[in-house]
Amino acid sequence: MTLNDVIFVDSYPKLDLHGFDRETARVAIMDFMKDQRKLKQPIIVIIHGCGSGILKATCHDVLRKSRCVLDFKTFYYNPGCTIVLLSIDE
């Protein structure tokens, strides 16, 4: 499955970053990805909101630097969230 096949995000694990600052969001994203890899969940959703774009930029920076992220993109139907494809091989 690729990220282009994802239409409904309600069935995937979500992390909501509303109210977080940059550093707290960075730690929360890394912990969330680590937990979901242990649970063998290859697709996750990170909700960062539209706002000023600070959380979105932080989110995409963390995802870009992570070795366990195979692909990510802003969700087409909601620009306030990003869908992520994780490598679940240990």
N, C-alpha and C. Protein backbone atom coordinates (compact mmCIF):
# COMPACT_ATOMS: atom_id res chain seq x y z
N MET A 1 0.84 -1.18 0.00
CA MET A 1 0.00 0.00 0.00
C MET A 1 0.89 1.24 0.00
N THR A 2 0.51 2.21 -0.80
CA THR A 2 1.23 3.48 -0.84
C THR A 2 0.38 4.57 -0.20
N LEU A 3 0.99 5.70 0.07
CA LEU A 3 0.25 6.80 0.69
C LEU A 3 -0.79 7.38 -0.26
N ASN A 4 -0.61 7.22 -1.55
CA ASN A 4 -1.60 7.72 -2.51
C ASN A 4 -2.90 6.92 -2.46
N ASP A 5 -2.86 5.71 -1.89
CA ASP A 5 -4.05 4.87 -1.77
C ASP A 5 -4.90 5.23 -0.56
N VAL A 6 -4.37 6.03 0.36
CA VAL A 6 -5.08 6.37 1.60
C VAL A 6 -6.14 7.44 1.31
N ILE A 7 -7.38 7.10 1.61
CA ILE A 7 -8.48 8.05 1.43
C ILE A 7 -9.08 8.42 2.79
N PHE A 8 -9.31 7.43 3.64
CA PHE A 8 -9.88 7.65 4.97
C PHE A 8 -8.79 7.45 6.01
N VAL A 9 -8.57 8.44 6.86
CA VAL A 9 -7.51 8.34 7.86
C VAL A 9 -8.05 7.97 9.24
N ASP A 10 -9.36 7.78 9.35
CA ASP A 10 -9.95 7.51 10.67
C ASP A 10 -9.52 6.17 11.26
N SER A 11 -9.13 5.22 10.43
CA SER A 11 -8.79 3.90 10.95
C SER A 11 -7.30 3.76 11.30
N TYR A 12 -6.52 4.81 11.10
CA TYR A 12 -5.09 4.74 11.40
C TYR A 12 -4.78 5.44 12.72
N PRO A 13 -3.70 5.01 13.40
CA PRO A 13 -3.31 5.68 14.66
C PRO A 13 -2.96 7.14 14.41
N LYS A 14 -3.39 8.00 15.34
CA LYS A 14 -3.20 9.44 15.18
C LYS A 14 -2.48 10.06 16.38
N LEU A 15 -1.70 11.07 16.08
CA LEU A 15 -1.07 11.90 17.11
C LEU A 15 -1.51 13.32 16.84
N ASP A 16 -2.15 13.95 17.82
CA ASP A 16 -2.63 15.32 17.68
C ASP A 16 -1.66 16.26 18.39
N LEU A 17 -1.06 17.18 17.63
CA LEU A 17 -0.04 18.09 18.17
C LEU A 17 -0.58 19.46 18.55
N HIS A 18 -1.89 19.65 18.51
CA HIS A 18 -2.46 20.95 18.88
C HIS A 18 -2.06 21.30 20.31
N GLY A 19 -1.53 22.50 20.48
CA GLY A 19 -1.13 22.96 21.81
C GLY A 19 0.30 22.63 22.17
N PHE A 20 1.03 21.93 21.33
CA PHE A 20 2.41 21.57 21.61
C PHE A 20 3.34 22.69 21.13
N ASP A 21 4.51 22.81 21.76
CA ASP A 21 5.55 23.67 21.22
C ASP A 21 6.49 22.81 20.36
N ARG A 22 7.50 23.44 19.74
CA ARG A 22 8.35 22.70 18.80
C ARG A 22 9.06 21.51 19.42
N GLU A 23 9.71 21.71 20.55
CA GLU A 23 10.49 20.63 21.15
C GLU A 23 9.62 19.52 21.69
N THR A 24 8.50 19.87 22.31
CA THR A 24 7.58 18.85 22.81
C THR A 24 7.01 18.05 21.65
N ALA A 25 6.69 18.73 20.55
CA ALA A 25 6.17 18.05 19.36
C ALA A 25 7.22 17.11 18.79
N ARG A 26 8.46 17.54 18.75
CA ARG A 26 9.55 16.71 18.22
C ARG A 26 9.68 15.40 19.01
N VAL A 27 9.67 15.51 20.32
CA VAL A 27 9.79 14.33 21.19
C VAL A 27 8.55 13.44 21.04
N ALA A 28 7.36 14.05 21.00
CA ALA A 28 6.12 13.29 20.88
C ALA A 28 6.08 12.52 19.56
N ILE A 29 6.54 13.13 18.48
CA ILE A 29 6.54 12.46 17.17
C ILE A 29 7.48 11.26 17.18
N MET A 30 8.66 11.45 17.72
CA MET A 30 9.63 10.34 17.76
C MET A 30 9.13 9.20 18.63
N ASP A 31 8.54 9.52 19.79
CA ASP A 31 7.99 8.48 20.66
C ASP A 31 6.82 7.76 20.01
N PHE A 32 5.95 8.52 19.34
CA PHE A 32 4.79 7.93 18.66
C PHE A 32 5.23 6.98 17.55
N MET A 33 6.20 7.39 16.77
CA MET A 33 6.70 6.51 15.70
C MET A 33 7.33 5.24 16.27
N LYS A 34 8.08 5.39 17.34
CA LYS A 34 8.70 4.23 17.98
C LYS A 34 7.64 3.24 18.48
N ASP A 35 6.61 3.77 19.14
CA ASP A 35 5.53 2.92 19.65
C ASP A 35 4.77 2.22 18.53
N GLN A 36 4.48 2.94 17.45
CA GLN A 36 3.71 2.36 16.35
C GLN A 36 4.52 1.33 15.59
N ARG A 37 5.83 1.50 15.51
CA ARG A 37 6.67 0.47 14.89
C ARG A 37 6.65 -0.81 15.72
N LYS A 38 6.66 -0.66 17.04
CA LYS A 38 6.58 -1.85 17.90
C LYS A 38 5.25 -2.57 17.72
N LEU A 39 4.19 -1.80 17.47
CA LEU A 39 2.86 -2.38 17.27
C LEU A 39 2.63 -2.81 15.82
N LYS A 40 3.65 -2.67 14.98
CA LYS A 40 3.59 -3.08 13.57
C LYS A 40 2.52 -2.32 12.77
N GLN A 41 2.41 -1.02 13.02
CA GLN A 41 1.48 -0.16 12.29
C GLN A 41 2.28 0.61 11.23
N PRO A 42 2.17 0.24 9.96
CA PRO A 42 3.00 0.90 8.95
C PRO A 42 2.53 2.31 8.56
N ILE A 43 1.25 2.61 8.73
CA ILE A 43 0.74 3.93 8.36
C ILE A 43 0.20 4.63 9.59
N ILE A 44 0.67 5.87 9.80
CA ILE A 44 0.21 6.68 10.92
C ILE A 44 -0.18 8.06 10.41
N VAL A 45 -0.92 8.79 11.24
CA VAL A 45 -1.36 10.14 10.90
C VAL A 45 -0.91 11.08 12.01
N ILE A 46 -0.31 12.20 11.62
CA ILE A 46 0.10 13.22 12.56
C ILE A 46 -0.70 14.48 12.26
N ILE A 47 -1.47 14.93 13.23
CA ILE A 47 -2.32 16.12 13.07
C ILE A 47 -1.56 17.32 13.65
N HIS A 48 -1.21 18.26 12.78
CA HIS A 48 -0.44 19.43 13.21
C HIS A 48 -1.23 20.72 13.07
N GLY A 49 -2.33 20.69 12.35
CA GLY A 49 -3.14 21.88 12.14
C GLY A 49 -2.57 22.76 11.03
N CYS A 50 -3.35 23.75 10.64
CA CYS A 50 -2.93 24.65 9.55
C CYS A 50 -2.20 25.86 10.09
N GLY A 51 -2.76 26.55 11.03
CA GLY A 51 -2.16 27.69 11.74
C GLY A 51 -1.04 28.41 11.03
N SER A 52 0.03 28.68 11.78
CA SER A 52 1.16 29.44 11.24
C SER A 52 2.17 28.54 10.53
N GLY A 53 2.04 27.24 10.65
CA GLY A 53 2.92 26.31 9.95
C GLY A 53 4.14 25.87 10.74
N ILE A 54 4.25 26.32 11.99
CA ILE A 54 5.42 25.96 12.80
C ILE A 54 5.42 24.47 13.11
N LEU A 55 4.28 23.94 13.55
CA LEU A 55 4.22 22.51 13.87
C LEU A 55 4.36 21.65 12.63
N LYS A 56 3.81 22.10 11.52
CA LYS A 56 3.94 21.35 10.27
C LYS A 56 5.41 21.28 9.86
N ALA A 57 6.11 22.39 9.93
CA ALA A 57 7.53 22.43 9.57
C ALA A 57 8.35 21.54 10.50
N THR A 58 8.04 21.58 11.79
CA THR A 58 8.74 20.73 12.76
C THR A 58 8.47 19.27 12.47
N CYS A 59 7.20 18.94 12.22
CA CYS A 59 6.80 17.57 11.92
C CYS A 59 7.55 17.05 10.69
N HIS A 60 7.55 17.81 9.61
CA HIS A 60 8.19 17.37 8.38
C HIS A 60 9.71 17.29 8.53
N ASP A 61 10.28 18.15 9.37
CA ASP A 61 11.72 18.10 9.64
C ASP A 61 12.08 16.81 10.36
N VAL A 62 11.30 16.44 11.37
CA VAL A 62 11.54 15.20 12.11
C VAL A 62 11.39 14.00 11.18
N LEU A 63 10.34 13.99 10.37
CA LEU A 63 10.10 12.87 9.47
C LEU A 63 11.19 12.75 8.41
N ARG A 64 11.66 13.88 7.90
CA ARG A 64 12.71 13.88 6.88
C ARG A 64 14.00 13.29 7.42
N LYS A 65 14.30 13.54 8.69
CA LYS A 65 15.56 13.09 9.29
C LYS A 65 15.49 11.66 9.85
N SER A 66 14.30 11.11 9.99
CA SER A 66 14.14 9.79 10.59
C SER A 66 14.44 8.68 9.58
N ARG A 67 15.22 7.70 10.01
CA ARG A 67 15.56 6.58 9.12
C ARG A 67 14.42 5.58 9.00
N CYS A 68 13.47 5.59 9.93
CA CYS A 68 12.38 4.62 9.88
C CYS A 68 11.20 5.09 9.02
N VAL A 69 11.26 6.30 8.49
CA VAL A 69 10.19 6.84 7.65
C VAL A 69 10.50 6.54 6.19
N LEU A 70 9.62 5.79 5.55
CA LEU A 70 9.79 5.48 4.14
C LEU A 70 9.24 6.58 3.25
N ASP A 71 8.12 7.17 3.66
CA ASP A 71 7.49 8.22 2.87
C ASP A 71 6.52 8.99 3.77
N PHE A 72 6.28 10.25 3.44
CA PHE A 72 5.26 11.04 4.13
C PHE A 72 4.77 12.12 3.19
N LYS A 73 3.55 12.56 3.43
CA LYS A 73 3.00 13.66 2.64
C LYS A 73 1.84 14.28 3.39
N THR A 74 1.58 15.53 3.06
CA THR A 74 0.43 16.22 3.61
C THR A 74 -0.81 15.58 2.99
N PHE A 75 -1.79 15.28 3.84
CA PHE A 75 -2.99 14.61 3.37
C PHE A 75 -3.77 15.53 2.43
N TYR A 76 -4.16 15.00 1.30
CA TYR A 76 -4.80 15.78 0.24
C TYR A 76 -6.10 16.45 0.70
N TYR A 77 -6.92 15.72 1.45
CA TYR A 77 -8.23 16.22 1.85
C TYR A 77 -8.20 17.10 3.09
N ASN A 78 -7.07 17.10 3.81
CA ASN A 78 -6.94 17.91 5.02
C ASN A 78 -5.48 18.36 5.16
N PRO A 79 -5.16 19.58 4.77
CA PRO A 79 -3.77 20.03 4.85
C PRO A 79 -3.27 20.22 6.28
N GLY A 80 -4.13 19.98 7.28
CA GLY A 80 -3.73 20.08 8.67
C GLY A 80 -3.20 18.78 9.23
N CYS A 81 -3.03 17.77 8.38
CA CYS A 81 -2.46 16.51 8.87
C CYS A 81 -1.52 15.91 7.83
N THR A 82 -0.62 15.09 8.31
CA THR A 82 0.38 14.44 7.47
C THR A 82 0.25 12.94 7.67
N ILE A 83 0.27 12.19 6.57
CA ILE A 83 0.24 10.73 6.66
C ILE A 83 1.67 10.23 6.43
N VAL A 84 2.01 9.18 7.18
CA VAL A 84 3.40 8.70 7.21
C VAL A 84 3.42 7.19 6.99
N LEU A 85 4.35 6.73 6.16
CA LEU A 85 4.57 5.31 5.94
C LEU A 85 5.88 4.95 6.66
N LEU A 86 5.76 4.05 7.64
CA LEU A 86 6.91 3.65 8.45
C LEU A 86 7.46 2.30 8.02
N SER A 87 8.74 2.14 8.21
CA SER A 87 9.36 0.84 8.05
C SER A 87 9.14 0.09 9.35
N ILE A 88 8.54 -1.09 9.28
CA ILE A 88 8.25 -1.81 10.53
C ILE A 88 9.22 -2.97 10.76
N ASP A 89 10.22 -3.13 9.90
CA ASP A 89 11.21 -4.17 10.10
C ASP A 89 12.18 -3.75 11.19
N GLU A 90 12.41 -4.63 12.11
CA GLU A 90 13.31 -4.32 13.23
C GLU A 90 14.74 -4.57 12.86
